Amino acid sequence: MEEKIREYVLKNYKNHFIKRKVLRDSRGHITKTTIQEVDPIITIKKTHIEVQNNKDASPIILSKDIL
């Protein structure tokens, strides 16, 4: 069940779960940008599903109808 939710969230809300890191040289110029995927934190409540990209972030609230 959580795997279906993970697929749905990564397909429809992919920009929320991408973390960009910027490497700079000694003068402050950008030399390299790396992209890392962040695993969603899924919490299933009685009436809805909450998905977060970290524990302090605001959740994306989904209906249970997506299952």
C-alpha atoms as a PDB file:
ATOM      1  CA  MET A   1       0.000   0.000   0.000  1.00  0.00           C
ATOM      2  CA  GLU A   2       2.808   2.425   0.860  1.00  0.00           C
ATOM      3  CA  GLU A   3       4.572   1.532  -2.380  1.00  0.00           C
ATOM      4  CA  LYS A   4       1.535   2.692  -4.402  1.00  0.00           C
ATOM      5  CA  ILE A   5       1.463   5.957  -2.446  1.00  0.00           C
ATOM      6  CA  ARG A   6       5.211   6.435  -3.003  1.00  0.00           C
ATOM      7  CA  GLU A   7       4.812   5.898  -6.772  1.00  0.00           C
ATOM      8  CA  TYR A   8       1.870   8.327  -6.940  1.00  0.00           C
ATOM      9  CA  VAL A   9       3.674  11.044  -4.978  1.00  0.00           C
ATOM     10  CA  LEU A  10       6.951  10.754  -6.900  1.00  0.00           C
ATOM     11  CA  LYS A  11       5.051  10.872 -10.193  1.00  0.00           C
ATOM     12  CA  ASN A  12       2.785  13.842  -9.402  1.00  0.00           C
ATOM     13  CA  TYR A  13       4.814  15.858  -6.865  1.00  0.00           C
ATOM     14  CA  LYS A  14       8.383  15.130  -7.975  1.00  0.00           C
ATOM     15  CA  ASN A  15       9.715  18.670  -7.417  1.00  0.00           C
ATOM     16  CA  HIS A  16       8.956  18.428  -3.686  1.00  0.00           C
ATOM     17  CA  PHE A  17      11.233  15.417  -3.313  1.00  0.00           C
ATOM     18  CA  ILE A  18      14.360  16.640  -5.117  1.00  0.00           C
ATOM     19  CA  LYS A  19      17.195  18.264  -3.188  1.00  0.00           C
ATOM     20  CA  ARG A  20      19.751  20.357  -5.072  1.00  0.00           C
ATOM     21  CA  LYS A  21      23.253  20.867  -3.682  1.00  0.00           C
ATOM     22  CA  VAL A  22      25.506  23.568  -5.122  1.00  0.00           C
ATOM     23  CA  LEU A  23      29.296  23.369  -4.928  1.00  0.00           C
ATOM     24  CA  ARG A  24      31.184  26.666  -5.148  1.00  0.00           C
ATOM     25  CA  ASP A  25      34.832  27.534  -5.669  1.00  0.00           C
ATOM     26  CA  SER A  26      36.879  29.922  -3.507  1.00  0.00           C
ATOM     27  CA  ARG A  27      35.535  32.966  -5.366  1.00  0.00           C
ATOM     28  CA  GLY A  28      31.912  31.948  -4.838  1.00  0.00           C
ATOM     29  CA  HIS A  29      31.193  30.837  -8.397  1.00  0.00           C
ATOM     30  CA  ILE A  30      29.042  27.765  -8.901  1.00  0.00           C
ATOM     31  CA  THR A  31      31.169  24.872 -10.112  1.00  0.00           C
ATOM     32  CA  LYS A  32      28.805  21.920  -9.877  1.00  0.00           C
ATOM     33  CA  THR A  33      25.161  21.250  -9.046  1.00  0.00           C
ATOM     34  CA  THR A  34      24.131  17.801  -7.844  1.00  0.00           C
ATOM     35  CA  ILE A  35      20.595  16.494  -7.520  1.00  0.00           C
ATOM     36  CA  GLN A  36      19.544  14.006  -4.839  1.00  0.00           C
ATOM     37  CA  GLU A  37      16.189  12.334  -4.466  1.00  0.00           C
ATOM     38  CA  VAL A  38      14.582  12.468  -1.018  1.00  0.00           C
ATOM     39  CA  ASP A  39      12.439   9.587   0.221  1.00  0.00           C
ATOM     40  CA  PRO A  40       8.906  10.678   1.146  1.00  0.00           C
ATOM     41  CA  ILE A  41       7.717  10.201   4.733  1.00  0.00           C
ATOM     42  CA  ILE A  42       4.249   8.649   4.547  1.00  0.00           C
ATOM     43  CA  THR A  43       1.787   8.770   7.452  1.00  0.00           C
ATOM     44  CA  ILE A  44      -1.568   7.068   7.022  1.00  0.00           C
ATOM     45  CA  LYS A  45      -4.282   8.617   9.202  1.00  0.00           C
ATOM     46  CA  LYS A  46      -7.851   7.476   9.700  1.00  0.00           C
ATOM     47  CA  THR A  47      -9.359   9.825   7.092  1.00  0.00           C
ATOM     48  CA  HIS A  48      -6.410  10.909   4.922  1.00  0.00           C
ATOM     49  CA  ILE A  49      -2.749  10.357   4.006  1.00  0.00           C
ATOM     50  CA  GLU A  50       0.040  12.819   4.846  1.00  0.00           C
ATOM     51  CA  VAL A  51       3.280  12.888   2.835  1.00  0.00           C
ATOM     52  CA  GLN A  52       6.335  14.967   3.801  1.00  0.00           C
ATOM     53  CA  ASN A  53       9.850  15.392   2.440  1.00  0.00           C
ATOM     54  CA  ASN A  54      11.316  15.883   5.939  1.00  0.00           C
ATOM     55  CA  LYS A  55       9.954  15.750   9.466  1.00  0.00           C
ATOM     56  CA  ASP A  56       9.591  19.546   9.820  1.00  0.00           C
ATOM     57  CA  ALA A  57       7.983  20.211   6.437  1.00  0.00           C
ATOM     58  CA  SER A  58       4.336  20.940   5.829  1.00  0.00           C
ATOM     59  CA  PRO A  59       2.559  17.790   4.664  1.00  0.00           C
ATOM     60  CA  ILE A  60       0.899  17.128   1.363  1.00  0.00           C
ATOM     61  CA  ILE A  61      -2.539  15.864   2.330  1.00  0.00           C
ATOM     62  CA  LEU A  62      -4.005  13.212   0.043  1.00  0.00           C
ATOM     63  CA  SER A  63      -7.378  11.516   0.018  1.00  0.00           C
ATOM     64  CA  LYS A  64      -7.587   7.787   0.525  1.00  0.00           C
ATOM     65  CA  ASP A  65      -9.298   7.608  -2.891  1.00  0.00           C
ATOM     66  CA  ILE A  66      -5.893   7.439  -4.638  1.00  0.00           C
ATOM     67  CA  LEU A  67      -5.571   3.829  -3.538  1.00  0.00           C
END
